[in-house]
Amino acid sequence: MNKNILKKEVDTFNKNKKELIKTKENKFVLIKETKIIGTYNSQKSAVVTGIKKFGNTPFLVKKISEKEEKPNFAFGLI
C-alpha cells in the first residue's frame, strides 16, 4: 500500500489542528485532499457525508482532539 495515500489529508489536519481544537474539539473533521469539508458531531455523520460526496475514493475522518487517537477512519483505500 502507498504510504503517502492520505499525506495531503494528514498534512491538512496537522496544519489546521490548533484552530480546530480551539473551535471544534471532540468533533470529527472530514478532509479531502487539502480541503476541510466540514466538522460533524459523530464519526458516522462524517463518514456518510464523505461516501456521499466522494464515493470510493480516499478521504480522512479524524477526531479533533489534543490527544492523538488511533485508528481513524479512511475510506476508499481498497
N, C-alpha and C. Protein backbone atom coordinates (compact mmCIF):
# COMPACT_ATOMS: atom_id res chain seq x y z
N MET A 1 0.84 -1.19 0.00
CA MET A 1 0.00 0.00 0.00
C MET A 1 0.88 1.25 0.00
N ASN A 2 0.46 2.24 -0.71
CA ASN A 2 1.18 3.50 -0.79
C ASN A 2 1.09 4.24 0.55
N LYS A 3 2.23 4.47 1.19
CA LYS A 3 2.26 5.14 2.49
C LYS A 3 1.79 6.59 2.41
N ASN A 4 1.86 7.17 1.24
CA ASN A 4 1.53 8.58 1.07
C ASN A 4 0.10 8.82 0.63
N ILE A 5 -0.73 7.78 0.65
CA ILE A 5 -2.08 7.89 0.08
C ILE A 5 -2.92 8.97 0.77
N LEU A 6 -2.75 9.19 2.05
CA LEU A 6 -3.51 10.23 2.76
C LEU A 6 -2.61 11.37 3.25
N LYS A 7 -1.44 11.51 2.64
CA LYS A 7 -0.49 12.52 3.09
C LYS A 7 -1.08 13.93 3.05
N LYS A 8 -1.77 14.27 1.95
CA LYS A 8 -2.36 15.61 1.84
C LYS A 8 -3.38 15.85 2.95
N GLU A 9 -4.20 14.82 3.21
CA GLU A 9 -5.24 14.95 4.23
C GLU A 9 -4.63 15.10 5.63
N VAL A 10 -3.63 14.28 5.93
CA VAL A 10 -2.98 14.35 7.25
C VAL A 10 -2.25 15.68 7.41
N ASP A 11 -1.57 16.12 6.37
CA ASP A 11 -0.88 17.42 6.42
C ASP A 11 -1.88 18.56 6.63
N THR A 12 -3.03 18.47 5.97
CA THR A 12 -4.07 19.50 6.12
C THR A 12 -4.59 19.51 7.56
N PHE A 13 -4.80 18.33 8.13
CA PHE A 13 -5.24 18.26 9.52
C PHE A 13 -4.20 18.90 10.44
N ASN A 14 -2.96 18.48 10.29
CA ASN A 14 -1.90 18.99 11.17
C ASN A 14 -1.73 20.50 11.05
N LYS A 15 -1.85 21.01 9.85
CA LYS A 15 -1.72 22.47 9.61
C LYS A 15 -2.83 23.25 10.31
N ASN A 16 -4.01 22.65 10.43
CA ASN A 16 -5.18 23.33 10.99
C ASN A 16 -5.54 22.86 12.39
N LYS A 17 -4.76 21.96 12.96
CA LYS A 17 -5.12 21.31 14.23
C LYS A 17 -5.37 22.29 15.37
N LYS A 18 -4.49 23.24 15.57
CA LYS A 18 -4.66 24.17 16.70
C LYS A 18 -5.97 24.93 16.61
N GLU A 19 -6.30 25.43 15.44
CA GLU A 19 -7.55 26.17 15.27
C GLU A 19 -8.76 25.25 15.42
N LEU A 20 -8.67 24.05 14.88
CA LEU A 20 -9.77 23.09 15.02
C LEU A 20 -10.01 22.75 16.48
N ILE A 21 -8.94 22.55 17.24
CA ILE A 21 -9.09 22.23 18.67
C ILE A 21 -9.76 23.40 19.40
N LYS A 22 -9.36 24.62 19.06
CA LYS A 22 -9.96 25.80 19.71
C LYS A 22 -11.46 25.90 19.46
N THR A 23 -11.88 25.56 18.26
CA THR A 23 -13.27 25.82 17.87
C THR A 23 -14.15 24.57 17.76
N LYS A 24 -13.56 23.40 17.55
CA LYS A 24 -14.35 22.20 17.26
C LYS A 24 -13.88 20.95 18.01
N GLU A 25 -13.25 21.12 19.16
CA GLU A 25 -12.70 19.96 19.88
C GLU A 25 -13.78 18.92 20.14
N ASN A 26 -13.39 17.66 20.00
CA ASN A 26 -14.21 16.46 20.21
C ASN A 26 -15.24 16.23 19.11
N LYS A 27 -15.18 16.99 18.04
CA LYS A 27 -15.99 16.70 16.86
C LYS A 27 -15.12 15.92 15.88
N PHE A 28 -15.68 15.57 14.74
CA PHE A 28 -14.95 14.83 13.72
C PHE A 28 -14.84 15.69 12.47
N VAL A 29 -13.65 15.73 11.90
CA VAL A 29 -13.42 16.52 10.70
C VAL A 29 -13.32 15.59 9.49
N LEU A 30 -13.90 16.03 8.39
CA LEU A 30 -13.82 15.33 7.11
C LEU A 30 -12.91 16.14 6.20
N ILE A 31 -11.86 15.49 5.72
CA ILE A 31 -10.88 16.16 4.87
C ILE A 31 -10.70 15.37 3.58
N LYS A 32 -10.73 16.09 2.47
CA LYS A 32 -10.46 15.51 1.14
C LYS A 32 -9.33 16.31 0.53
N GLU A 33 -8.22 15.64 0.30
CA GLU A 33 -7.00 16.27 -0.21
C GLU A 33 -6.60 17.43 0.70
N THR A 34 -6.63 18.67 0.24
CA THR A 34 -6.20 19.79 1.09
C THR A 34 -7.38 20.63 1.58
N LYS A 35 -8.60 20.09 1.46
CA LYS A 35 -9.78 20.86 1.83
C LYS A 35 -10.52 20.24 3.02
N ILE A 36 -10.80 21.08 4.01
CA ILE A 36 -11.65 20.65 5.11
C ILE A 36 -13.08 20.78 4.63
N ILE A 37 -13.76 19.66 4.53
CA ILE A 37 -15.12 19.64 4.01
C ILE A 37 -16.11 20.09 5.08
N GLY A 38 -15.89 19.65 6.32
CA GLY A 38 -16.77 20.05 7.41
C GLY A 38 -16.41 19.34 8.70
N THR A 39 -17.10 19.73 9.76
CA THR A 39 -16.96 19.06 11.05
C THR A 39 -18.33 18.53 11.45
N TYR A 40 -18.31 17.41 12.18
CA TYR A 40 -19.53 16.68 12.48
C TYR A 40 -19.51 16.22 13.93
N ASN A 41 -20.70 16.05 14.48
CA ASN A 41 -20.82 15.61 15.87
C ASN A 41 -20.46 14.14 16.06
N SER A 42 -20.59 13.35 15.01
CA SER A 42 -20.27 11.92 15.13
C SER A 42 -19.40 11.48 13.96
N GLN A 43 -18.65 10.42 14.21
CA GLN A 43 -17.82 9.85 13.16
C GLN A 43 -18.71 9.33 12.03
N LYS A 44 -19.83 8.73 12.41
CA LYS A 44 -20.75 8.17 11.41
C LYS A 44 -21.23 9.26 10.44
N SER A 45 -21.62 10.41 10.95
CA SER A 45 -22.08 11.50 10.10
C SER A 45 -21.00 11.94 9.12
N ALA A 46 -19.78 12.04 9.60
CA ALA A 46 -18.67 12.45 8.75
C ALA A 46 -18.40 11.41 7.66
N VAL A 47 -18.43 10.14 8.04
CA VAL A 47 -18.17 9.07 7.07
C VAL A 47 -19.27 9.02 6.02
N VAL A 48 -20.52 9.08 6.44
CA VAL A 48 -21.64 9.04 5.50
C VAL A 48 -21.55 10.20 4.52
N THR A 49 -21.23 11.38 5.01
CA THR A 49 -21.08 12.54 4.13
C THR A 49 -19.95 12.32 3.14
N GLY A 50 -18.83 11.80 3.63
CA GLY A 50 -17.69 11.53 2.75
C GLY A 50 -18.03 10.55 1.65
N ILE A 51 -18.73 9.49 2.00
CA ILE A 51 -19.10 8.48 1.00
C ILE A 51 -20.07 9.09 -0.02
N LYS A 52 -21.03 9.87 0.45
CA LYS A 52 -21.98 10.50 -0.47
C LYS A 52 -21.29 11.47 -1.43
N LYS A 53 -20.34 12.25 -0.91
CA LYS A 53 -19.68 13.26 -1.73
C LYS A 53 -18.60 12.69 -2.64
N PHE A 54 -17.86 11.69 -2.14
CA PHE A 54 -16.65 11.26 -2.84
C PHE A 54 -16.66 9.81 -3.30
N GLY A 55 -17.67 9.03 -2.90
CA GLY A 55 -17.73 7.64 -3.31
C GLY A 55 -16.53 6.85 -2.79
N ASN A 56 -16.07 5.93 -3.59
CA ASN A 56 -14.98 5.04 -3.20
C ASN A 56 -13.62 5.64 -3.56
N THR A 57 -13.35 6.80 -2.98
CA THR A 57 -12.04 7.44 -3.13
C THR A 57 -11.53 7.79 -1.74
N PRO A 58 -10.22 7.91 -1.58
CA PRO A 58 -9.67 8.19 -0.25
C PRO A 58 -10.10 9.55 0.31
N PHE A 59 -10.50 9.53 1.57
CA PHE A 59 -10.73 10.75 2.34
C PHE A 59 -10.45 10.40 3.80
N LEU A 60 -10.29 11.43 4.61
CA LEU A 60 -9.94 11.22 6.01
C LEU A 60 -11.03 11.76 6.92
N VAL A 61 -11.39 10.96 7.93
CA VAL A 61 -12.24 11.40 9.02
C VAL A 61 -11.42 11.22 10.29
N LYS A 62 -11.27 12.29 11.05
CA LYS A 62 -10.41 12.25 12.23
C LYS A 62 -11.05 13.03 13.36
N LYS A 63 -10.95 12.47 14.57
CA LYS A 63 -11.45 13.16 15.76
C LYS A 63 -10.52 14.34 16.07
N ILE A 64 -11.13 15.46 16.38
CA ILE A 64 -10.39 16.67 16.73
C ILE A 64 -10.13 16.63 18.23
N SER A 65 -8.87 16.40 18.58
CA SER A 65 -8.53 16.23 19.99
C SER A 65 -7.05 16.53 20.21
N GLU A 66 -6.75 17.05 21.37
CA GLU A 66 -5.36 17.29 21.77
C GLU A 66 -4.62 15.96 21.78
N LYS A 67 -5.27 14.94 22.31
CA LYS A 67 -4.69 13.60 22.42
C LYS A 67 -4.87 12.86 21.09
N GLU A 68 -3.79 12.30 20.59
CA GLU A 68 -3.85 11.55 19.34
C GLU A 68 -4.59 10.24 19.57
N GLU A 69 -5.61 10.01 18.76
CA GLU A 69 -6.39 8.78 18.87
C GLU A 69 -6.26 7.98 17.59
N LYS A 70 -5.97 6.71 17.74
CA LYS A 70 -5.84 5.81 16.59
C LYS A 70 -6.68 4.57 16.86
N PRO A 71 -7.23 3.91 15.89
CA PRO A 71 -7.19 4.29 14.49
C PRO A 71 -8.24 5.33 14.15
N ASN A 72 -8.03 5.97 13.03
CA ASN A 72 -9.00 6.90 12.46
C ASN A 72 -9.56 6.26 11.21
N PHE A 73 -10.60 6.82 10.67
CA PHE A 73 -11.27 6.21 9.53
C PHE A 73 -10.77 6.83 8.22
N ALA A 74 -10.41 5.99 7.30
CA ALA A 74 -10.07 6.42 5.95
C ALA A 74 -10.82 5.51 5.00
N PHE A 75 -11.49 6.08 4.03
CA PHE A 75 -12.33 5.32 3.12
C PHE A 75 -11.73 5.35 1.72
N GLY A 76 -11.95 4.29 0.98
CA GLY A 76 -11.54 4.24 -0.41
C GLY A 76 -10.11 3.82 -0.62
N LEU A 77 -9.54 3.12 0.33
CA LEU A 77 -8.16 2.71 0.21
C LEU A 77 -8.01 1.38 -0.51
N ILE A 78 -9.10 0.69 -0.71
CA ILE A 78 -9.05 -0.64 -1.35
C ILE A 78 -9.59 -0.55 -2.76
